[in-house]
PDB file of N, CA and C in Angstrom:
ATOM      1  N   ASN A   1     -18.351  22.058  17.604  1.00  0.00           N
ATOM      2  CA  ASN A   1     -17.583  22.598  16.486  1.00  0.00           C
ATOM      3  C   ASN A   1     -17.429  21.594  15.357  1.00  0.00           C
ATOM      4  N   GLY A   2     -18.431  20.780  15.126  1.00  0.00           N
ATOM      5  CA  GLY A   2     -18.390  19.822  14.030  1.00  0.00           C
ATOM      6  C   GLY A   2     -17.696  18.514  14.366  1.00  0.00           C
ATOM      7  N   VAL A   3     -17.338  18.288  15.617  1.00  0.00           N
ATOM      8  CA  VAL A   3     -16.658  17.062  16.022  1.00  0.00           C
ATOM      9  C   VAL A   3     -17.655  16.122  16.678  1.00  0.00           C
ATOM     10  N   LEU A   4     -17.682  14.870  16.231  1.00  0.00           N
ATOM     11  CA  LEU A   4     -18.475  13.839  16.880  1.00  0.00           C
ATOM     12  C   LEU A   4     -17.553  13.089  17.824  1.00  0.00           C
ATOM     13  N   LYS A   5     -17.979  12.903  19.051  1.00  0.00           N
ATOM     14  CA  LYS A   5     -17.150  12.202  20.024  1.00  0.00           C
ATOM     15  C   LYS A   5     -17.945  11.057  20.615  1.00  0.00           C
ATOM     16  N   TYR A   6     -17.364   9.868  20.528  1.00  0.00           N
ATOM     17  CA  TYR A   6     -17.981   8.689  21.118  1.00  0.00           C
ATOM     18  C   TYR A   6     -17.534   8.599  22.562  1.00  0.00           C
ATOM     19  N   ALA A   7     -18.483   8.599  23.481  1.00  0.00           N
ATOM     20  CA  ALA A   7     -18.167   8.634  24.906  1.00  0.00           C
ATOM     21  C   ALA A   7     -18.178   7.253  25.547  1.00  0.00           C
ATOM     22  N   GLY A   8     -18.403   6.203  24.783  1.00  0.00           N
ATOM     23  CA  GLY A   8     -18.370   4.842  25.313  1.00  0.00           C
ATOM     24  C   GLY A   8     -19.758   4.286  25.557  1.00  0.00           C
ATOM     25  N   GLY A   9     -19.812   2.967  25.714  1.00  0.00           N
ATOM     26  CA  GLY A   9     -21.080   2.280  25.929  1.00  0.00           C
ATOM     27  C   GLY A   9     -21.744   1.915  24.617  1.00  0.00           C
ATOM     28  N   GLY A  10     -22.416   0.791  24.597  1.00  0.00           N
ATOM     29  CA  GLY A  10     -23.105   0.358  23.375  1.00  0.00           C
ATOM     30  C   GLY A  10     -22.133   0.079  22.253  1.00  0.00           C
ATOM     31  N   ARG A  11     -22.612   0.249  21.016  1.00  0.00           N
ATOM     32  CA  ARG A  11     -21.783  -0.043  19.851  1.00  0.00           C
ATOM     33  C   ARG A  11     -21.330   1.207  19.098  1.00  0.00           C
ATOM     34  N   GLY A  12     -21.840   2.375  19.438  1.00  0.00           N
ATOM     35  CA  GLY A  12     -21.387   3.588  18.774  1.00  0.00           C
ATOM     36  C   GLY A  12     -21.627   3.589  17.279  1.00  0.00           C
ATOM     37  N   TRP A  13     -22.726   3.051  16.833  1.00  0.00           N
ATOM     38  CA  TRP A  13     -23.044   2.849  15.419  1.00  0.00           C
ATOM     39  C   TRP A  13     -23.580   4.137  14.810  1.00  0.00           C
ATOM     40  N   MET A  14     -22.968   4.597  13.728  1.00  0.00           N
ATOM     41  CA  MET A  14     -23.424   5.771  13.000  1.00  0.00           C
ATOM     42  C   MET A  14     -23.514   5.370  11.528  1.00  0.00           C
ATOM     43  N   LYS A  15     -24.625   5.717  10.859  1.00  0.00           N
ATOM     44  CA  LYS A  15     -24.786   5.292   9.473  1.00  0.00           C
ATOM     45  C   LYS A  15     -25.563   6.331   8.683  1.00  0.00           C
ATOM     46  N   VAL A  16     -25.527   6.175   7.361  1.00  0.00           N
ATOM     47  CA  VAL A  16     -26.339   7.004   6.477  1.00  0.00           C
ATOM     48  C   VAL A  16     -27.583   6.207   6.104  1.00  0.00           C
ATOM     49  N   ASN A  17     -28.604   6.885   5.630  1.00  0.00           N
ATOM     50  CA  ASN A  17     -29.867   6.220   5.314  1.00  0.00           C
ATOM     51  C   ASN A  17     -29.930   5.674   3.893  1.00  0.00           C
ATOM     52  N   LYS A  18     -28.974   6.002   3.060  1.00  0.00           N
ATOM     53  CA  LYS A  18     -28.988   5.579   1.666  1.00  0.00           C
ATOM     54  C   LYS A  18     -27.821   4.621   1.406  1.00  0.00           C
ATOM     55  N   GLN A  19     -28.034   3.649   0.525  1.00  0.00           N
ATOM     56  CA  GLN A  19     -26.966   2.732   0.132  1.00  0.00           C
ATOM     57  C   GLN A  19     -26.210   3.299  -1.056  1.00  0.00           C
ATOM     58  N   TYR A  20     -24.900   3.105  -1.064  1.00  0.00           N
ATOM     59  CA  TYR A  20     -24.056   3.574  -2.159  1.00  0.00           C
ATOM     60  C   TYR A  20     -23.223   2.413  -2.680  1.00  0.00           C
ATOM     61  N   THR A  21     -23.080   2.328  -4.002  1.00  0.00           N
ATOM     62  CA  THR A  21     -22.237   1.316  -4.623  1.00  0.00           C
ATOM     63  C   THR A  21     -20.854   1.886  -4.889  1.00  0.00           C
ATOM     64  N   ASN A  22     -20.796   3.067  -5.468  1.00  0.00           N
ATOM     65  CA  ASN A  22     -19.554   3.777  -5.740  1.00  0.00           C
ATOM     66  C   ASN A  22     -19.551   5.033  -4.886  1.00  0.00           C
ATOM     67  N   TYR A  23     -18.477   5.224  -4.110  1.00  0.00           N
ATOM     68  CA  TYR A  23     -18.438   6.399  -3.238  1.00  0.00           C
ATOM     69  C   TYR A  23     -17.007   6.719  -2.830  1.00  0.00           C
ATOM     70  N   SER A  24     -16.839   7.915  -2.340  1.00  0.00           N
ATOM     71  CA  SER A  24     -15.594   8.341  -1.729  1.00  0.00           C
ATOM     72  C   SER A  24     -15.962   8.999  -0.412  1.00  0.00           C
ATOM     73  N   ALA A  25     -15.250   8.656   0.638  1.00  0.00           N
ATOM     74  CA  ALA A  25     -15.517   9.230   1.950  1.00  0.00           C
ATOM     75  C   ALA A  25     -14.191   9.650   2.576  1.00  0.00           C
ATOM     76  N   VAL A  26     -14.218  10.801   3.216  1.00  0.00           N
ATOM     77  CA  VAL A  26     -13.051  11.280   3.949  1.00  0.00           C
ATOM     78  C   VAL A  26     -13.424  11.290   5.421  1.00  0.00           C
ATOM     79  N   ILE A  27     -12.617  10.614   6.212  1.00  0.00           N
ATOM     80  CA  ILE A  27     -12.861  10.527   7.642  1.00  0.00           C
ATOM     81  C   ILE A  27     -11.615  11.057   8.343  1.00  0.00           C
ATOM     82  N   ILE A  28     -11.812  12.105   9.114  1.00  0.00           N
ATOM     83  CA  ILE A  28     -10.718  12.684   9.889  1.00  0.00           C
ATOM     84  C   ILE A  28     -10.957  12.270  11.328  1.00  0.00           C
ATOM     85  N   TRP A  29     -10.008  11.575  11.914  1.00  0.00           N
ATOM     86  CA  TRP A  29     -10.228  10.954  13.209  1.00  0.00           C
ATOM     87  C   TRP A  29      -8.990  11.026  14.093  1.00  0.00           C
ATOM     88  N   LYS A  30      -9.258  10.887  15.374  1.00  0.00           N
ATOM     89  CA  LYS A  30      -8.197  10.859  16.383  1.00  0.00           C
ATOM     90  C   LYS A  30      -8.575   9.787  17.396  1.00  0.00           C
ATOM     91  N   PHE A  31      -7.703   8.832  17.584  1.00  0.00           N
ATOM     92  CA  PHE A  31      -7.956   7.721  18.506  1.00  0.00           C
ATOM     93  C   PHE A  31      -7.049   7.924  19.707  1.00  0.00           C
ATOM     94  N   THR A  32      -7.615   8.419  20.799  1.00  0.00           N
ATOM     95  CA  THR A  32      -6.784   8.781  21.943  1.00  0.00           C
ATOM     96  C   THR A  32      -6.693   7.703  23.006  1.00  0.00           C
ATOM     97  N   ASN A  33      -7.633   6.772  23.034  1.00  0.00           N
ATOM     98  CA  ASN A  33      -7.632   5.742  24.062  1.00  0.00           C
ATOM     99  C   ASN A  33      -7.102   4.446  23.460  1.00  0.00           C
ATOM    100  N   GLN A  34      -5.857   4.122  23.748  1.00  0.00           N
ATOM    101  CA  GLN A  34      -5.202   2.967  23.136  1.00  0.00           C
ATOM    102  C   GLN A  34      -5.437   1.661  23.881  1.00  0.00           C
ATOM    103  N   ASP A  35      -6.480   1.590  24.678  1.00  0.00           N
ATOM    104  CA  ASP A  35      -6.832   0.354  25.384  1.00  0.00           C
ATOM    105  C   ASP A  35      -7.098  -0.727  24.343  1.00  0.00           C
ATOM    106  N   PRO A  36      -6.386  -1.859  24.382  1.00  0.00           N
ATOM    107  CA  PRO A  36      -6.541  -2.891  23.346  1.00  0.00           C
ATOM    108  C   PRO A  36      -7.927  -3.536  23.298  1.00  0.00           C
ATOM    109  N   THR A  37      -8.764  -3.304  24.303  1.00  0.00           N
ATOM    110  CA  THR A  37     -10.119  -3.855  24.251  1.00  0.00           C
ATOM    111  C   THR A  37     -11.056  -2.962  23.443  1.00  0.00           C
ATOM    112  N   ASN A  38     -10.630  -1.741  23.128  1.00  0.00           N
ATOM    113  CA  ASN A  38     -11.452  -0.843  22.306  1.00  0.00           C
ATOM    114  C   ASN A  38     -11.354  -1.250  20.847  1.00  0.00           C
ATOM    115  N   ASP A  39     -12.369  -0.922  20.101  1.00  0.00           N
ATOM    116  CA  ASP A  39     -12.413  -1.260  18.686  1.00  0.00           C
ATOM    117  C   ASP A  39     -13.067  -0.103  17.947  1.00  0.00           C
ATOM    118  N   ALA A  40     -12.502   0.277  16.826  1.00  0.00           N
ATOM    119  CA  ALA A  40     -13.095   1.339  16.026  1.00  0.00           C
ATOM    120  C   ALA A  40     -12.830   1.038  14.563  1.00  0.00           C
ATOM    121  N   GLY A  41     -13.733   1.472  13.710  1.00  0.00           N
ATOM    122  CA  GLY A  41     -13.530   1.249  12.292  1.00  0.00           C
ATOM    123  C   GLY A  41     -14.691   1.739  11.456  1.00  0.00           C
ATOM    124  N   VAL A  42     -14.568   1.507  10.164  1.00  0.00           N
ATOM    125  CA  VAL A  42     -15.579   1.895   9.186  1.00  0.00           C
ATOM    126  C   VAL A  42     -15.971   0.644   8.417  1.00  0.00           C
ATOM    127  N   PHE A  43     -17.256   0.311   8.449  1.00  0.00           N
ATOM    128  CA  PHE A  43     -17.730  -0.818   7.652  1.00  0.00           C
ATOM    129  C   PHE A  43     -17.913  -0.345   6.218  1.00  0.00           C
ATOM    130  N   LEU A  44     -17.336  -1.075   5.273  1.00  0.00           N
ATOM    131  CA  LEU A  44     -17.340  -0.653   3.877  1.00  0.00           C
ATOM    132  C   LEU A  44     -18.581  -1.086   3.113  1.00  0.00           C
ATOM    133  N   LYS A  45     -19.285  -2.108   3.575  1.00  0.00           N
ATOM    134  CA  LYS A  45     -20.438  -2.622   2.822  1.00  0.00           C
ATOM    135  C   LYS A  45     -21.605  -2.954   3.738  1.00  0.00           C
ATOM    136  N   ALA A  46     -21.833  -2.162   4.767  1.00  0.00           N
ATOM    137  CA  ALA A  46     -22.962  -2.427   5.661  1.00  0.00           C
ATOM    138  C   ALA A  46     -24.266  -2.286   4.880  1.00  0.00           C
ATOM    139  N   LYS A  47     -25.273  -3.025   5.314  1.00  0.00           N
ATOM    140  CA  LYS A  47     -26.560  -3.036   4.607  1.00  0.00           C
ATOM    141  C   LYS A  47     -27.678  -2.648   5.563  1.00  0.00           C
ATOM    142  N   PRO A  48     -28.794  -2.154   5.019  1.00  0.00           N
ATOM    143  CA  PRO A  48     -29.936  -1.867   5.894  1.00  0.00           C
ATOM    144  C   PRO A  48     -30.316  -3.127   6.671  1.00  0.00           C
ATOM    145  N   GLY A  49     -30.661  -2.952   7.934  1.00  0.00           N
ATOM    146  CA  GLY A  49     -31.036  -4.087   8.761  1.00  0.00           C
ATOM    147  C   GLY A  49     -29.882  -4.683   9.544  1.00  0.00           C
ATOM    148  N   ASP A  50     -28.640  -4.247   9.284  1.00  0.00           N
ATOM    149  CA  ASP A  50     -27.498  -4.768  10.041  1.00  0.00           C
ATOM    150  C   ASP A  50     -27.538  -4.316  11.498  1.00  0.00           C
ATOM    151  N   ASN A  51     -28.188  -3.206  11.757  1.00  0.00           N
ATOM    152  CA  ASN A  51     -28.406  -2.701  13.113  1.00  0.00           C
ATOM    153  C   ASN A  51     -27.151  -2.674  13.975  1.00  0.00           C
ATOM    154  N   GLY A  52     -26.072  -2.141  13.427  1.00  0.00           N
ATOM    155  CA  GLY A  52     -24.864  -1.962  14.205  1.00  0.00           C
ATOM    156  C   GLY A  52     -23.971  -3.173  14.314  1.00  0.00           C
ATOM    157  N   ASN A  53     -24.289  -4.244  13.592  1.00  0.00           N
ATOM    158  CA  ASN A  53     -23.444  -5.433  13.658  1.00  0.00           C
ATOM    159  C   ASN A  53     -23.325  -6.088  12.287  1.00  0.00           C
ATOM    160  N   PRO A  54     -22.730  -5.395  11.314  1.00  0.00           N
ATOM    161  CA  PRO A  54     -22.635  -5.976   9.975  1.00  0.00           C
ATOM    162  C   PRO A  54     -21.495  -6.972   9.799  1.00  0.00           C
ATOM    163  N   PHE A  55     -20.580  -7.072  10.766  1.00  0.00           N
ATOM    164  CA  PHE A  55     -19.468  -8.008  10.652  1.00  0.00           C
ATOM    165  C   PHE A  55     -19.977  -9.437  10.847  1.00  0.00           C
ATOM    166  N   PRO A  56     -19.560 -10.437  10.115  1.00  0.00           N
ATOM    167  CA  PRO A  56     -18.456 -10.456   9.167  1.00  0.00           C
ATOM    168  C   PRO A  56     -18.861 -10.233   7.713  1.00  0.00           C
ATOM    169  N   ALA A  57     -20.150 -10.014   7.438  1.00  0.00           N
ATOM    170  CA  ALA A  57     -20.577  -9.844   6.042  1.00  0.00           C
ATOM    171  C   ALA A  57     -20.021  -8.566   5.430  1.00  0.00           C
ATOM    172  N   SER A  58     -19.711  -7.578   6.239  1.00  0.00           N
ATOM    173  CA  SER A  58     -19.161  -6.324   5.751  1.00  0.00           C
ATOM    174  C   SER A  58     -17.745  -6.156   6.276  1.00  0.00           C
ATOM    175  N   PRO A  59     -16.771  -6.001   5.390  1.00  0.00           N
ATOM    176  CA  PRO A  59     -15.401  -5.785   5.849  1.00  0.00           C
ATOM    177  C   PRO A  59     -15.297  -4.490   6.652  1.00  0.00           C
ATOM    178  N   GLN A  60     -14.475  -4.516   7.709  1.00  0.00           N
ATOM    179  CA  GLN A  60     -14.272  -3.337   8.546  1.00  0.00           C
ATOM    180  C   GLN A  60     -12.876  -2.775   8.334  1.00  0.00           C
ATOM    181  N   LEU A  61     -12.804  -1.520   7.962  1.00  0.00           N
ATOM    182  CA  LEU A  61     -11.542  -0.807   7.857  1.00  0.00           C
ATOM    183  C   LEU A  61     -11.149  -0.391   9.270  1.00  0.00           C
ATOM    184  N   ASN A  62     -10.075  -0.956   9.781  1.00  0.00           N
ATOM    185  CA  ASN A  62      -9.705  -0.788  11.182  1.00  0.00           C
ATOM    186  C   ASN A  62      -9.071   0.565  11.478  1.00  0.00           C
ATOM    187  N   MET A  63      -9.435   1.071  12.664  1.00  0.00           N
ATOM    188  CA  MET A  63      -8.913   2.353  13.142  1.00  0.00           C
ATOM    189  C   MET A  63      -8.388   2.193  14.567  1.00  0.00           C
ATOM    190  N   GLY A  64      -7.909   1.030  14.961  1.00  0.00           N
ATOM    191  CA  GLY A  64      -7.313   0.826  16.285  1.00  0.00           C
ATOM    192  C   GLY A  64      -8.108  -0.147  17.105  1.00  0.00           C
ATOM    193  N   ALA A  65      -7.684  -0.478  18.236  1.00  0.00           N
ATOM    194  CA  ALA A  65      -6.704   0.217  19.058  1.00  0.00           C
ATOM    195  C   ALA A  65      -5.335  -0.445  19.006  1.00  0.00           C
ATOM    196  N   GLN A  66      -5.257  -1.665  18.579  1.00  0.00           N
ATOM    197  CA  GLN A  66      -3.951  -2.305  18.463  1.00  0.00           C
ATOM    198  C   GLN A  66      -3.289  -1.816  17.185  1.00  0.00           C
ATOM    199  N   GLN A  67      -2.217  -2.432  16.765  1.00  0.00           N
ATOM    200  CA  GLN A  67      -1.512  -1.951  15.583  1.00  0.00           C
ATOM    201  C   GLN A  67      -2.114  -2.507  14.303  1.00  0.00           C
ATOM    202  N   ASP A  68      -3.447  -2.458  14.202  1.00  0.00           N
ATOM    203  CA  ASP A  68      -4.121  -2.935  12.995  1.00  0.00           C
ATOM    204  C   ASP A  68      -4.650  -1.768  12.154  1.00  0.00           C
ATOM    205  N   PHE A  69      -4.167  -0.561  12.409  1.00  0.00           N
ATOM    206  CA  PHE A  69      -4.625   0.620  11.679  1.00  0.00           C
ATOM    207  C   PHE A  69      -4.483   0.424  10.175  1.00  0.00           C
ATOM    208  N   GLY A  70      -5.551   0.676   9.457  1.00  0.00           N
ATOM    209  CA  GLY A  70      -5.501   0.616   8.005  1.00  0.00           C
ATOM    210  C   GLY A  70      -5.741  -0.739   7.405  1.00  0.00           C
ATOM    211  N   SER A  71      -5.761  -1.794   8.199  1.00  0.00           N
ATOM    212  CA  SER A  71      -6.042  -3.122   7.657  1.00  0.00           C
ATOM    213  C   SER A  71      -7.554  -3.308   7.563  1.00  0.00           C
ATOM    214  N   ILE A  72      -7.966  -4.333   6.837  1.00  0.00           N
ATOM    215  CA  ILE A  72      -9.388  -4.646   6.727  1.00  0.00           C
ATOM    216  C   ILE A  72      -9.608  -5.999   7.371  1.00  0.00           C
ATOM    217  N   GLY A  73     -10.360  -5.989   8.465  1.00  0.00           N
ATOM    218  CA  GLY A  73     -10.665  -7.226   9.155  1.00  0.00           C
ATOM    219  C   GLY A  73     -11.480  -8.157   8.282  1.00  0.00           C
ATOM    220  N   GLY A  74     -11.175  -9.435   8.319  1.00  0.00           N
ATOM    221  CA  GLY A  74     -11.937 -10.423   7.590  1.00  0.00           C
ATOM    222  C   GLY A  74     -11.570 -10.545   6.122  1.00  0.00           C
ATOM    223  N   THR A  75     -10.446  -9.957   5.704  1.00  0.00           N
ATOM    224  CA  THR A  75     -10.034 -10.076   4.305  1.00  0.00           C
ATOM    225  C   THR A  75      -8.613 -10.621   4.230  1.00  0.00           C
ATOM    226  N   MET A  76      -8.306 -11.218   3.113  1.00  0.00           N
ATOM    227  CA  MET A  76      -6.955 -11.710   2.876  1.00  0.00           C
ATOM    228  C   MET A  76      -6.169 -10.614   2.167  1.00  0.00           C
ATOM    229  N   GLY A  77      -4.914 -10.462   2.514  1.00  0.00           N
ATOM    230  CA  GLY A  77      -4.027  -9.591   1.758  1.00  0.00           C
ATOM    231  C   GLY A  77      -3.942  -8.155   2.236  1.00  0.00           C
ATOM    232  N   SER A  78      -4.780  -7.727   3.161  1.00  0.00           N
ATOM    233  CA  SER A  78      -4.592  -6.365   3.658  1.00  0.00           C
ATOM    234  C   SER A  78      -3.704  -6.440   4.885  1.00  0.00           C
ATOM    235  N   ARG A  79      -2.931  -5.403   5.079  1.00  0.00           N
ATOM    236  CA  ARG A  79      -2.038  -5.393   6.230  1.00  0.00           C
ATOM    237  C   ARG A  79      -2.156  -4.061   6.949  1.00  0.00           C
ATOM    238  N   ALA A  80      -1.788  -4.061   8.200  1.00  0.00           N
ATOM    239  CA  ALA A  80      -1.819  -2.835   8.984  1.00  0.00           C
ATOM    240  C   ALA A  80      -0.815  -1.834   8.424  1.00  0.00           C
ATOM    241  N   ARG A  81      -1.170  -0.562   8.507  1.00  0.00           N
ATOM    242  CA  ARG A  81      -0.282   0.502   8.048  1.00  0.00           C
ATOM    243  C   ARG A  81      -0.037   1.489   9.182  1.00  0.00           C
ATOM    244  N   PHE A  82       0.393   0.963  10.304  1.00  0.00           N
ATOM    245  CA  PHE A  82       0.683   1.791  11.463  1.00  0.00           C
ATOM    246  C   PHE A  82       1.752   2.827  11.130  1.00  0.00           C
ATOM    247  N   ASP A  83       2.610   2.504  10.143  1.00  0.00           N
ATOM    248  CA  ASP A  83       3.666   3.428   9.734  1.00  0.00           C
ATOM    249  C   ASP A  83       3.124   4.740   9.175  1.00  0.00           C
ATOM    250  N   LEU A  84       1.852   4.758   8.749  1.00  0.00           N
ATOM    251  CA  LEU A  84       1.261   5.977   8.180  1.00  0.00           C
ATOM    252  C   LEU A  84       0.413   6.753   9.183  1.00  0.00           C
ATOM    253  N   ILE A  85       0.269   6.221  10.385  1.00  0.00           N
ATOM    254  CA  ILE A  85      -0.599   6.818  11.396  1.00  0.00           C
ATOM    255  C   ILE A  85       0.189   7.760  12.291  1.00  0.00           C
ATOM    256  N   LYS A  86      -0.418   8.912  12.592  1.00  0.00           N
ATOM    257  CA  LYS A  86       0.152   9.853  13.550  1.00  0.00           C
ATOM    258  C   LYS A  86      -0.482   9.545  14.909  1.00  0.00           C
ATOM    259  N   ALA A  87       0.306   8.974  15.811  1.00  0.00           N
ATOM    260  CA  ALA A  87      -0.210   8.580  17.119  1.00  0.00           C
ATOM    261  C   ALA A  87      -0.690   9.794  17.909  1.00  0.00           C
ATOM    262  N   ASN A  88      -1.857   9.647  18.557  1.00  0.00           N
ATOM    263  CA  ASN A  88      -2.454  10.700  19.383  1.00  0.00           C
ATOM    264  C   ASN A  88      -2.577  12.027  18.652  1.00  0.00           C
ATOM    265  N   ASP A  89      -2.835  11.968  17.353  1.00  0.00           N
ATOM    266  CA  ASP A  89      -3.004  13.166  16.534  1.00  0.00           C
ATOM    267  C   ASP A  89      -4.130  12.905  15.544  1.00  0.00           C
ATOM    268  N   TRP A  90      -4.519  13.913  14.802  1.00  0.00           N
ATOM    269  CA  TRP A  90      -5.558  13.765  13.798  1.00  0.00           C
ATOM    270  C   TRP A  90      -5.008  13.036  12.583  1.00  0.00           C
ATOM    271  N   ASN A  91      -5.784  12.085  12.066  1.00  0.00           N
ATOM    272  CA  ASN A  91      -5.429  11.307  10.886  1.00  0.00           C
ATOM    273  C   ASN A  91      -6.562  11.388   9.882  1.00  0.00           C
ATOM    274  N   THR A  92      -6.231  11.215   8.615  1.00  0.00           N
ATOM    275  CA  THR A  92      -7.237  11.262   7.550  1.00  0.00           C
ATOM    276  C   THR A  92      -7.228   9.948   6.783  1.00  0.00           C
ATOM    277  N   TYR A  93      -8.411   9.338   6.709  1.00  0.00           N
ATOM    278  CA  TYR A  93      -8.633   8.192   5.827  1.00  0.00           C
ATOM    279  C   TYR A  93      -9.451   8.701   4.643  1.00  0.00           C
ATOM    280  N   GLN A  94      -8.976   8.465   3.427  1.00  0.00           N
ATOM    281  CA  GLN A  94      -9.783   8.712   2.235  1.00  0.00           C
ATOM    282  C   GLN A  94     -10.076   7.355   1.632  1.00  0.00           C
ATOM    283  N   ILE A  95     -11.342   6.974   1.669  1.00  0.00           N
ATOM    284  CA  ILE A  95     -11.787   5.672   1.188  1.00  0.00           C
ATOM    285  C   ILE A  95     -12.531   5.897  -0.118  1.00  0.00           C
ATOM    286  N   THR A  96     -12.119   5.182  -1.153  1.00  0.00           N
ATOM    287  CA  THR A  96     -12.804   5.258  -2.437  1.00  0.00           C
ATOM    288  C   THR A  96     -13.199   3.848  -2.845  1.00  0.00           C
ATOM    289  N   VAL A  97     -14.472   3.643  -3.119  1.00  0.00           N
ATOM    290  CA  VAL A  97     -14.976   2.353  -3.581  1.00  0.00           C
ATOM    291  C   VAL A  97     -15.604   2.586  -4.945  1.00  0.00           C
ATOM    292  N   ARG A  98     -15.113   1.864  -5.945  1.00  0.00           N
ATOM    293  CA  ARG A  98     -15.624   2.026  -7.313  1.00  0.00           C
ATOM    294  C   ARG A  98     -15.655   0.666  -7.980  1.00  0.00           C
ATOM    295  N   ASN A  99     -16.847   0.285  -8.442  1.00  0.00           N
ATOM    296  CA  ASN A  99     -17.038  -0.986  -9.146  1.00  0.00           C
ATOM    297  C   ASN A  99     -16.462  -2.172  -8.373  1.00  0.00           C
ATOM    298  N   GLY A 100     -16.681  -2.195  -7.060  1.00  0.00           N
ATOM    299  CA  GLY A 100     -16.267  -3.307  -6.235  1.00  0.00           C
ATOM    300  C   GLY A 100     -14.820  -3.286  -5.784  1.00  0.00           C
ATOM    301  N   MET A 101     -14.057  -2.298  -6.213  1.00  0.00           N
ATOM    302  CA  MET A 101     -12.659  -2.170  -5.815  1.00  0.00           C
ATOM    303  C   MET A 101     -12.535  -1.011  -4.831  1.00  0.00           C
ATOM    304  N   ALA A 102     -11.673  -1.189  -3.814  1.00  0.00           N
ATOM    305  CA  ALA A 102     -11.505  -0.158  -2.790  1.00  0.00           C
ATOM    306  C   ALA A 102     -10.059   0.311  -2.738  1.00  0.00           C
ATOM    307  N   THR A 103      -9.898   1.602  -2.446  1.00  0.00           N
ATOM    308  CA  THR A 103      -8.590   2.209  -2.251  1.00  0.00           C
ATOM    309  C   THR A 103      -8.627   2.968  -0.935  1.00  0.00           C
ATOM    310  N   LEU A 104      -7.560   2.881  -0.173  1.00  0.00           N
ATOM    311  CA  LEU A 104      -7.443   3.655   1.050  1.00  0.00           C
ATOM    312  C   LEU A 104      -6.177   4.485   0.997  1.00  0.00           C
ATOM    313  N   ALA A 105      -6.334   5.789   1.225  1.00  0.00           N
ATOM    314  CA  ALA A 105      -5.183   6.670   1.435  1.00  0.00           C
ATOM    315  C   ALA A 105      -5.208   7.085   2.895  1.00  0.00           C
ATOM    316  N   ILE A 106      -4.066   6.973   3.561  1.00  0.00           N
ATOM    317  CA  ILE A 106      -3.932   7.399   4.954  1.00  0.00           C
ATOM    318  C   ILE A 106      -3.010   8.603   4.977  1.00  0.00           C
ATOM    319  N   ASN A 107      -3.538   9.711   5.449  1.00  0.00           N
ATOM    320  CA  ASN A 107      -2.763  10.954   5.529  1.00  0.00           C
ATOM    321  C   ASN A 107      -2.083  11.287   4.211  1.00  0.00           C
ATOM    322  N   GLY A 108      -2.820  11.086   3.102  1.00  0.00           N
ATOM    323  CA  GLY A 108      -2.355  11.474   1.777  1.00  0.00           C
ATOM    324  C   GLY A 108      -1.521  10.438   1.053  1.00  0.00           C
ATOM    325  N   THR A 109      -1.219   9.310   1.683  1.00  0.00           N
ATOM    326  CA  THR A 109      -0.418   8.255   1.037  1.00  0.00           C
ATOM    327  C   THR A 109      -1.298   7.030   0.809  1.00  0.00           C
ATOM    328  N   VAL A 110      -1.301   6.508  -0.426  1.00  0.00           N
ATOM    329  CA  VAL A 110      -2.082   5.321  -0.716  1.00  0.00           C
ATOM    330  C   VAL A 110      -1.522   4.165   0.094  1.00  0.00           C
ATOM    331  N   ALA A 111      -2.382   3.588   0.931  1.00  0.00           N
ATOM    332  CA  ALA A 111      -1.992   2.467   1.796  1.00  0.00           C
ATOM    333  C   ALA A 111      -2.170   1.143   1.087  1.00  0.00           C
ATOM    334  N   TRP A 112      -3.252   1.013   0.307  1.00  0.00           N
ATOM    335  CA  TRP A 112      -3.512  -0.197  -0.459  1.00  0.00           C
ATOM    336  C   TRP A 112      -4.653   0.044  -1.442  1.00  0.00           C
ATOM    337  N   GLU A 113      -4.711  -0.841  -2.424  1.00  0.00           N
ATOM    338  CA  GLU A 113      -5.811  -0.873  -3.393  1.00  0.00           C
ATOM    339  C   GLU A 113      -6.226  -2.321  -3.541  1.00  0.00           C
ATOM    340  N   ARG A 114      -7.515  -2.592  -3.463  1.00  0.00           N
ATOM    341  CA  ARG A 114      -8.038  -3.960  -3.583  1.00  0.00           C
ATOM    342  C   ARG A 114      -9.280  -3.953  -4.413  1.00  0.00           C
TER     343      ARG A 114
END
């Protein structure tokens, strides 16, 4: 029904074939397994050839499992926005990148602009 589910194992890497400089993406997600060893997120600047491991060259917008929701790993000044996350429910990230600046809205509320 249009839902992608990661069942574990490997890196769970999903990407598009084209590079974008300015874009907006809406990601509707639910993180049900709060095991602190799990990791999920969206790489904001992955490049062809990264093959599922663009960190640390590409900042990762965190989606759990600890209380780092909404922060960007590897950057200064971003902070977790667990206060905007609906635990064990569907959440919406709207990511907009324009001219090198990024904005994140979590569930309709702007979490940060950088």
